[in-house]
Structure formats: C-alpha cells, structure tokens
C-alpha cells in the first residue's frame, strides 16, 4: 500500500506544494517508463539492465519520500544482482504496477 504524506515531504524537501506536485508528475512519467522497461526485461532481459532500472526507481522515489516504491526499486535491484530469480522479478514488477496505479489515483 502506497502512503504519501505530501505535507511532510514538502517540509523535508523545503519546497511548495505546486512544485512537489510537478515533481510527482515527472516521477510518474519516469515510473511508467521504468515499469514498461521492466515488463520487457523481466522474462529474458539482462540482469544488469534490470538492476539499473530498479536502482533508478529506488533513488527517484526516495527523493520524493515515496517509500514503498523506493523499496520496490531496491528489491528489484537486489534480486537482479543477487538471486536473479525471474519469478520473483515478475511478482515485484506486478506489485510495482499496482503501486504506481495507486499513487496516480491518490494524487488525482
């Protein structure tokens, strides 16, 4: 379940609500692109590319204080670098899709 405390994030980042929402819009575009890439890579793509997608997602989400998506990015990166379990990657990519959808619904 994605939780987002916009007020807390704005305070921590020292930015206005309008700017934070603009950053969220940019993040969602990036998250959609990452998700699309991961859908293509999860079954047979190179694990280093999967790890890069997870790492980028982890960092972008963490910067905006979207902890659940950041943790998913980290998990994808860890699996790609470690066990390389494609079944686990498929599950994580599905959860990521749900998390992105939930975040989009939350912010309208």
N, C-alpha and C. Protein backbone atom coordinates (compact mmCIF):
# COMPACT_ATOMS: atom_id res chain seq x y z
N UNK A 1 0.84 -1.19 0.00
CA UNK A 1 0.00 0.00 0.00
C UNK A 1 0.88 1.24 0.00
N UNK A 2 0.68 2.08 -0.97
CA UNK A 2 1.46 3.31 -1.08
C UNK A 2 0.86 4.36 -0.16
N UNK A 3 1.73 4.92 0.65
CA UNK A 3 1.33 6.03 1.52
C UNK A 3 2.16 7.23 1.11
N UNK A 4 1.55 8.39 1.14
CA UNK A 4 2.27 9.59 0.76
C UNK A 4 1.80 10.73 1.65
N UNK A 5 2.71 11.25 2.44
CA UNK A 5 2.44 12.39 3.29
C UNK A 5 3.04 13.61 2.59
N UNK A 6 2.22 14.25 1.76
CA UNK A 6 2.69 15.37 0.95
C UNK A 6 3.22 16.49 1.82
N UNK A 7 2.52 16.81 2.89
CA UNK A 7 2.95 17.90 3.75
C UNK A 7 4.32 17.62 4.37
N UNK A 8 4.51 16.40 4.84
CA UNK A 8 5.80 16.03 5.44
C UNK A 8 6.91 16.08 4.39
N UNK A 9 6.63 15.55 3.21
CA UNK A 9 7.63 15.57 2.14
C UNK A 9 8.00 16.99 1.76
N UNK A 10 7.01 17.85 1.63
CA UNK A 10 7.27 19.25 1.28
C UNK A 10 8.14 19.91 2.33
N UNK A 11 7.82 19.66 3.59
CA UNK A 11 8.59 20.25 4.68
C UNK A 11 10.04 19.75 4.66
N UNK A 12 10.21 18.45 4.51
CA UNK A 12 11.55 17.87 4.47
C UNK A 12 12.36 18.37 3.28
N UNK A 13 11.69 18.55 2.15
CA UNK A 13 12.37 18.98 0.94
C UNK A 13 12.48 20.49 0.82
N UNK A 14 11.69 21.21 1.61
CA UNK A 14 11.72 22.67 1.57
C UNK A 14 11.18 23.24 0.28
N UNK A 15 10.08 22.64 -0.23
CA UNK A 15 9.50 23.09 -1.49
C UNK A 15 8.01 23.32 -1.33
N UNK A 16 7.42 24.00 -2.30
CA UNK A 16 5.99 24.29 -2.26
C UNK A 16 5.19 23.08 -2.74
N UNK A 17 3.91 23.11 -2.43
CA UNK A 17 3.03 22.03 -2.86
C UNK A 17 2.96 21.95 -4.38
N UNK A 18 2.89 23.09 -5.04
CA UNK A 18 2.83 23.08 -6.51
C UNK A 18 4.07 22.45 -7.12
N UNK A 19 5.24 22.79 -6.57
CA UNK A 19 6.48 22.23 -7.10
C UNK A 19 6.54 20.73 -6.81
N UNK A 20 6.11 20.33 -5.61
CA UNK A 20 6.11 18.90 -5.27
C UNK A 20 5.20 18.13 -6.24
N UNK A 21 4.03 18.68 -6.52
CA UNK A 21 3.11 18.00 -7.44
C UNK A 21 3.69 17.94 -8.85
N UNK A 22 4.42 18.96 -9.24
CA UNK A 22 5.09 18.93 -10.54
C UNK A 22 6.14 17.81 -10.56
N UNK A 23 6.89 17.69 -9.47
CA UNK A 23 7.89 16.62 -9.37
C UNK A 23 7.22 15.25 -9.37
N UNK A 24 6.07 15.13 -8.71
CA UNK A 24 5.34 13.87 -8.71
C UNK A 24 4.90 13.49 -10.12
N UNK A 25 4.45 14.47 -10.88
CA UNK A 25 4.06 14.20 -12.26
C UNK A 25 5.25 13.69 -13.08
N UNK A 26 6.39 14.34 -12.90
CA UNK A 26 7.61 13.88 -13.58
C UNK A 26 7.99 12.48 -13.13
N UNK A 27 7.87 12.24 -11.83
CA UNK A 27 8.20 10.92 -11.30
C UNK A 27 7.29 9.85 -11.90
N UNK A 28 6.00 10.12 -11.98
CA UNK A 28 5.07 9.13 -12.54
C UNK A 28 5.40 8.80 -13.99
N UNK A 29 5.82 9.81 -14.75
CA UNK A 29 6.22 9.55 -16.14
C UNK A 29 7.45 8.63 -16.15
N UNK A 30 8.41 8.91 -15.27
CA UNK A 30 9.60 8.07 -15.19
C UNK A 30 9.24 6.67 -14.70
N UNK A 31 8.37 6.59 -13.71
CA UNK A 31 7.97 5.29 -13.16
C UNK A 31 7.26 4.45 -14.22
N UNK A 32 6.42 5.10 -15.03
CA UNK A 32 5.75 4.39 -16.12
C UNK A 32 6.76 3.84 -17.11
N UNK A 33 7.75 4.64 -17.46
CA UNK A 33 8.79 4.20 -18.40
C UNK A 33 9.60 3.05 -17.80
N UNK A 34 9.94 3.16 -16.53
CA UNK A 34 10.69 2.09 -15.87
C UNK A 34 9.87 0.81 -15.83
N UNK A 35 8.59 0.95 -15.51
CA UNK A 35 7.71 -0.22 -15.46
C UNK A 35 7.63 -0.89 -16.83
N UNK A 36 7.48 -0.08 -17.88
CA UNK A 36 7.42 -0.62 -19.24
C UNK A 36 8.72 -1.37 -19.57
N UNK A 37 9.85 -0.77 -19.23
CA UNK A 37 11.14 -1.44 -19.48
C UNK A 37 11.24 -2.74 -18.70
N UNK A 38 10.82 -2.71 -17.44
CA UNK A 38 10.89 -3.92 -16.61
C UNK A 38 9.97 -5.02 -17.14
N UNK A 39 8.82 -4.64 -17.68
CA UNK A 39 7.93 -5.64 -18.29
C UNK A 39 8.63 -6.35 -19.44
N UNK A 40 9.39 -5.59 -20.20
CA UNK A 40 10.11 -6.17 -21.34
C UNK A 40 11.32 -7.00 -20.89
N UNK A 41 11.96 -6.59 -19.79
CA UNK A 41 13.21 -7.23 -19.36
C UNK A 41 13.01 -8.42 -18.43
N UNK A 42 11.90 -8.47 -17.71
CA UNK A 42 11.74 -9.44 -16.62
C UNK A 42 11.86 -10.89 -17.05
N UNK A 43 11.46 -11.22 -18.25
CA UNK A 43 11.47 -12.61 -18.69
C UNK A 43 12.81 -13.08 -19.24
N UNK A 44 13.54 -12.19 -19.90
CA UNK A 44 14.78 -12.65 -20.52
C UNK A 44 15.84 -11.56 -20.64
N UNK A 45 15.54 -10.37 -20.13
CA UNK A 45 16.49 -9.27 -20.27
C UNK A 45 17.72 -9.43 -19.40
N UNK A 46 18.77 -8.71 -19.74
CA UNK A 46 20.00 -8.76 -18.96
C UNK A 46 19.76 -8.25 -17.53
N UNK A 47 20.30 -8.98 -16.58
CA UNK A 47 20.08 -8.61 -15.18
C UNK A 47 20.71 -7.27 -14.82
N UNK A 48 21.79 -6.88 -15.49
CA UNK A 48 22.39 -5.58 -15.18
C UNK A 48 21.45 -4.44 -15.58
N UNK A 49 20.71 -4.59 -16.67
CA UNK A 49 19.74 -3.57 -17.06
C UNK A 49 18.57 -3.53 -16.09
N UNK A 50 18.13 -4.69 -15.63
CA UNK A 50 17.05 -4.75 -14.64
C UNK A 50 17.49 -4.07 -13.36
N UNK A 51 18.72 -4.35 -12.94
CA UNK A 51 19.26 -3.74 -11.71
C UNK A 51 19.33 -2.22 -11.86
N UNK A 52 19.72 -1.73 -13.02
CA UNK A 52 19.79 -0.28 -13.25
C UNK A 52 18.42 0.36 -13.16
N UNK A 53 17.41 -0.29 -13.74
CA UNK A 53 16.04 0.24 -13.65
C UNK A 53 15.58 0.29 -12.19
N UNK A 54 15.83 -0.78 -11.46
CA UNK A 54 15.46 -0.81 -10.05
C UNK A 54 16.17 0.27 -9.25
N UNK A 55 17.45 0.44 -9.52
CA UNK A 55 18.25 1.44 -8.80
C UNK A 55 17.74 2.86 -9.06
N UNK A 56 17.46 3.16 -10.32
CA UNK A 56 16.96 4.48 -10.68
C UNK A 56 15.61 4.75 -10.02
N UNK A 57 14.75 3.77 -10.05
CA UNK A 57 13.43 3.90 -9.44
C UNK A 57 13.55 4.11 -7.94
N UNK A 58 14.43 3.34 -7.33
CA UNK A 58 14.67 3.46 -5.88
C UNK A 58 15.07 4.88 -5.51
N UNK A 59 16.01 5.44 -6.23
CA UNK A 59 16.51 6.77 -5.91
C UNK A 59 15.49 7.86 -6.14
N UNK A 60 14.81 7.81 -7.27
CA UNK A 60 13.81 8.84 -7.59
C UNK A 60 12.67 8.84 -6.58
N UNK A 61 12.19 7.66 -6.24
CA UNK A 61 11.10 7.57 -5.28
C UNK A 61 11.56 8.02 -3.89
N UNK A 62 12.77 7.65 -3.51
CA UNK A 62 13.29 8.07 -2.20
C UNK A 62 13.40 9.58 -2.11
N UNK A 63 13.84 10.22 -3.20
CA UNK A 63 13.97 11.67 -3.20
C UNK A 63 12.64 12.37 -2.94
N UNK A 64 11.55 11.74 -3.37
CA UNK A 64 10.22 12.33 -3.17
C UNK A 64 9.50 11.75 -1.96
N UNK A 65 10.20 10.92 -1.22
CA UNK A 65 9.68 10.31 0.02
C UNK A 65 8.52 9.35 -0.26
N UNK A 66 8.60 8.64 -1.40
CA UNK A 66 7.61 7.63 -1.75
C UNK A 66 8.24 6.29 -1.38
N UNK A 67 8.21 5.98 -0.11
CA UNK A 67 8.99 4.89 0.46
C UNK A 67 8.66 3.51 -0.12
N UNK A 68 7.39 3.22 -0.30
CA UNK A 68 7.02 1.89 -0.78
C UNK A 68 7.57 1.61 -2.19
N UNK A 69 7.51 2.61 -3.06
CA UNK A 69 8.03 2.42 -4.41
C UNK A 69 9.55 2.38 -4.38
N UNK A 70 10.15 3.16 -3.51
CA UNK A 70 11.61 3.10 -3.35
C UNK A 70 12.04 1.70 -2.91
N UNK A 71 11.30 1.12 -1.98
CA UNK A 71 11.62 -0.23 -1.51
C UNK A 71 11.44 -1.27 -2.61
N UNK A 72 10.43 -1.09 -3.45
CA UNK A 72 10.24 -2.00 -4.59
C UNK A 72 11.42 -1.89 -5.56
N UNK A 73 11.86 -0.68 -5.82
CA UNK A 73 13.02 -0.49 -6.69
C UNK A 73 14.25 -1.17 -6.11
N UNK A 74 14.42 -1.03 -4.81
CA UNK A 74 15.55 -1.68 -4.14
C UNK A 74 15.44 -3.20 -4.25
N UNK A 75 14.25 -3.72 -4.03
CA UNK A 75 14.05 -5.17 -4.11
C UNK A 75 14.35 -5.69 -5.51
N UNK A 76 13.92 -4.96 -6.52
CA UNK A 76 14.19 -5.35 -7.90
C UNK A 76 15.69 -5.35 -8.15
N UNK A 77 16.36 -4.32 -7.69
CA UNK A 77 17.81 -4.23 -7.85
C UNK A 77 18.51 -5.40 -7.15
N UNK A 78 18.11 -5.70 -5.93
CA UNK A 78 18.73 -6.78 -5.16
C UNK A 78 18.54 -8.13 -5.84
N UNK A 79 17.33 -8.40 -6.29
CA UNK A 79 17.06 -9.68 -6.97
C UNK A 79 17.88 -9.78 -8.26
N UNK A 80 17.93 -8.69 -9.02
CA UNK A 80 18.67 -8.70 -10.28
C UNK A 80 20.17 -8.91 -10.06
N UNK A 81 20.70 -8.36 -8.97
CA UNK A 81 22.12 -8.51 -8.68
C UNK A 81 22.44 -9.79 -7.94
N UNK A 82 21.44 -10.34 -7.25
CA UNK A 82 21.68 -11.49 -6.39
C UNK A 82 21.16 -12.79 -6.95
N UNK A 83 19.97 -13.17 -6.54
CA UNK A 83 19.42 -14.49 -6.88
C UNK A 83 19.06 -14.62 -8.36
N UNK A 84 18.80 -13.51 -9.01
CA UNK A 84 18.39 -13.49 -10.42
C UNK A 84 17.20 -14.42 -10.66
N UNK A 85 16.27 -14.39 -9.75
CA UNK A 85 15.06 -15.21 -9.80
C UNK A 85 14.00 -14.47 -10.62
N UNK A 86 13.79 -14.94 -11.83
CA UNK A 86 12.84 -14.25 -12.72
C UNK A 86 11.41 -14.32 -12.20
N UNK A 87 11.05 -15.38 -11.51
CA UNK A 87 9.73 -15.48 -10.92
C UNK A 87 9.51 -14.39 -9.88
N UNK A 88 10.51 -14.14 -9.06
CA UNK A 88 10.43 -13.07 -8.06
C UNK A 88 10.37 -11.71 -8.75
N UNK A 89 11.15 -11.54 -9.80
CA UNK A 89 11.11 -10.27 -10.54
C UNK A 89 9.72 -10.02 -11.11
N UNK A 90 9.08 -11.04 -11.66
CA UNK A 90 7.74 -10.88 -12.20
C UNK A 90 6.77 -10.40 -11.13
N UNK A 91 6.87 -11.00 -9.94
CA UNK A 91 5.99 -10.59 -8.83
C UNK A 91 6.25 -9.14 -8.45
N UNK A 92 7.52 -8.76 -8.35
CA UNK A 92 7.85 -7.39 -7.97
C UNK A 92 7.37 -6.39 -9.02
N UNK A 93 7.47 -6.73 -10.28
CA UNK A 93 7.00 -5.84 -11.35
C UNK A 93 5.48 -5.69 -11.29
N UNK A 94 4.78 -6.74 -10.94
CA UNK A 94 3.32 -6.66 -10.77
C UNK A 94 2.96 -5.74 -9.61
N UNK A 95 3.67 -5.89 -8.50
CA UNK A 95 3.41 -5.04 -7.33
C UNK A 95 3.74 -3.59 -7.67
N UNK A 96 4.81 -3.39 -8.42
CA UNK A 96 5.18 -2.04 -8.84
C UNK A 96 4.06 -1.40 -9.66
N UNK A 97 3.49 -2.15 -10.58
CA UNK A 97 2.38 -1.64 -11.39
C UNK A 97 1.23 -1.19 -10.50
N UNK A 98 0.89 -1.99 -9.51
CA UNK A 98 -0.20 -1.64 -8.59
C UNK A 98 0.15 -0.38 -7.80
N UNK A 99 1.40 -0.29 -7.35
CA UNK A 99 1.83 0.86 -6.56
C UNK A 99 1.78 2.15 -7.38
N UNK A 100 2.21 2.09 -8.63
CA UNK A 100 2.16 3.26 -9.50
C UNK A 100 0.70 3.68 -9.72
N UNK A 101 -0.14 2.69 -9.97
CA UNK A 101 -1.57 2.97 -10.17
C UNK A 101 -2.17 3.62 -8.93
N UNK A 102 -1.84 3.09 -7.76
CA UNK A 102 -2.37 3.65 -6.51
C UNK A 102 -1.88 5.07 -6.30
N UNK A 103 -0.60 5.31 -6.53
CA UNK A 103 -0.06 6.67 -6.38
C UNK A 103 -0.75 7.63 -7.32
N UNK A 104 -0.94 7.22 -8.56
CA UNK A 104 -1.61 8.09 -9.54
C UNK A 104 -3.03 8.42 -9.06
N UNK A 105 -3.74 7.45 -8.55
CA UNK A 105 -5.10 7.67 -8.05
C UNK A 105 -5.11 8.61 -6.84
N UNK A 106 -4.08 8.50 -6.01
CA UNK A 106 -4.00 9.34 -4.81
C UNK A 106 -3.82 10.82 -5.14
N UNK A 107 -3.06 11.09 -6.17
CA UNK A 107 -2.75 12.49 -6.47
C UNK A 107 -3.67 13.09 -7.52
N UNK A 108 -4.56 12.23 -8.07
CA UNK A 108 -5.56 12.72 -9.00
C UNK A 108 -5.00 12.88 -10.34
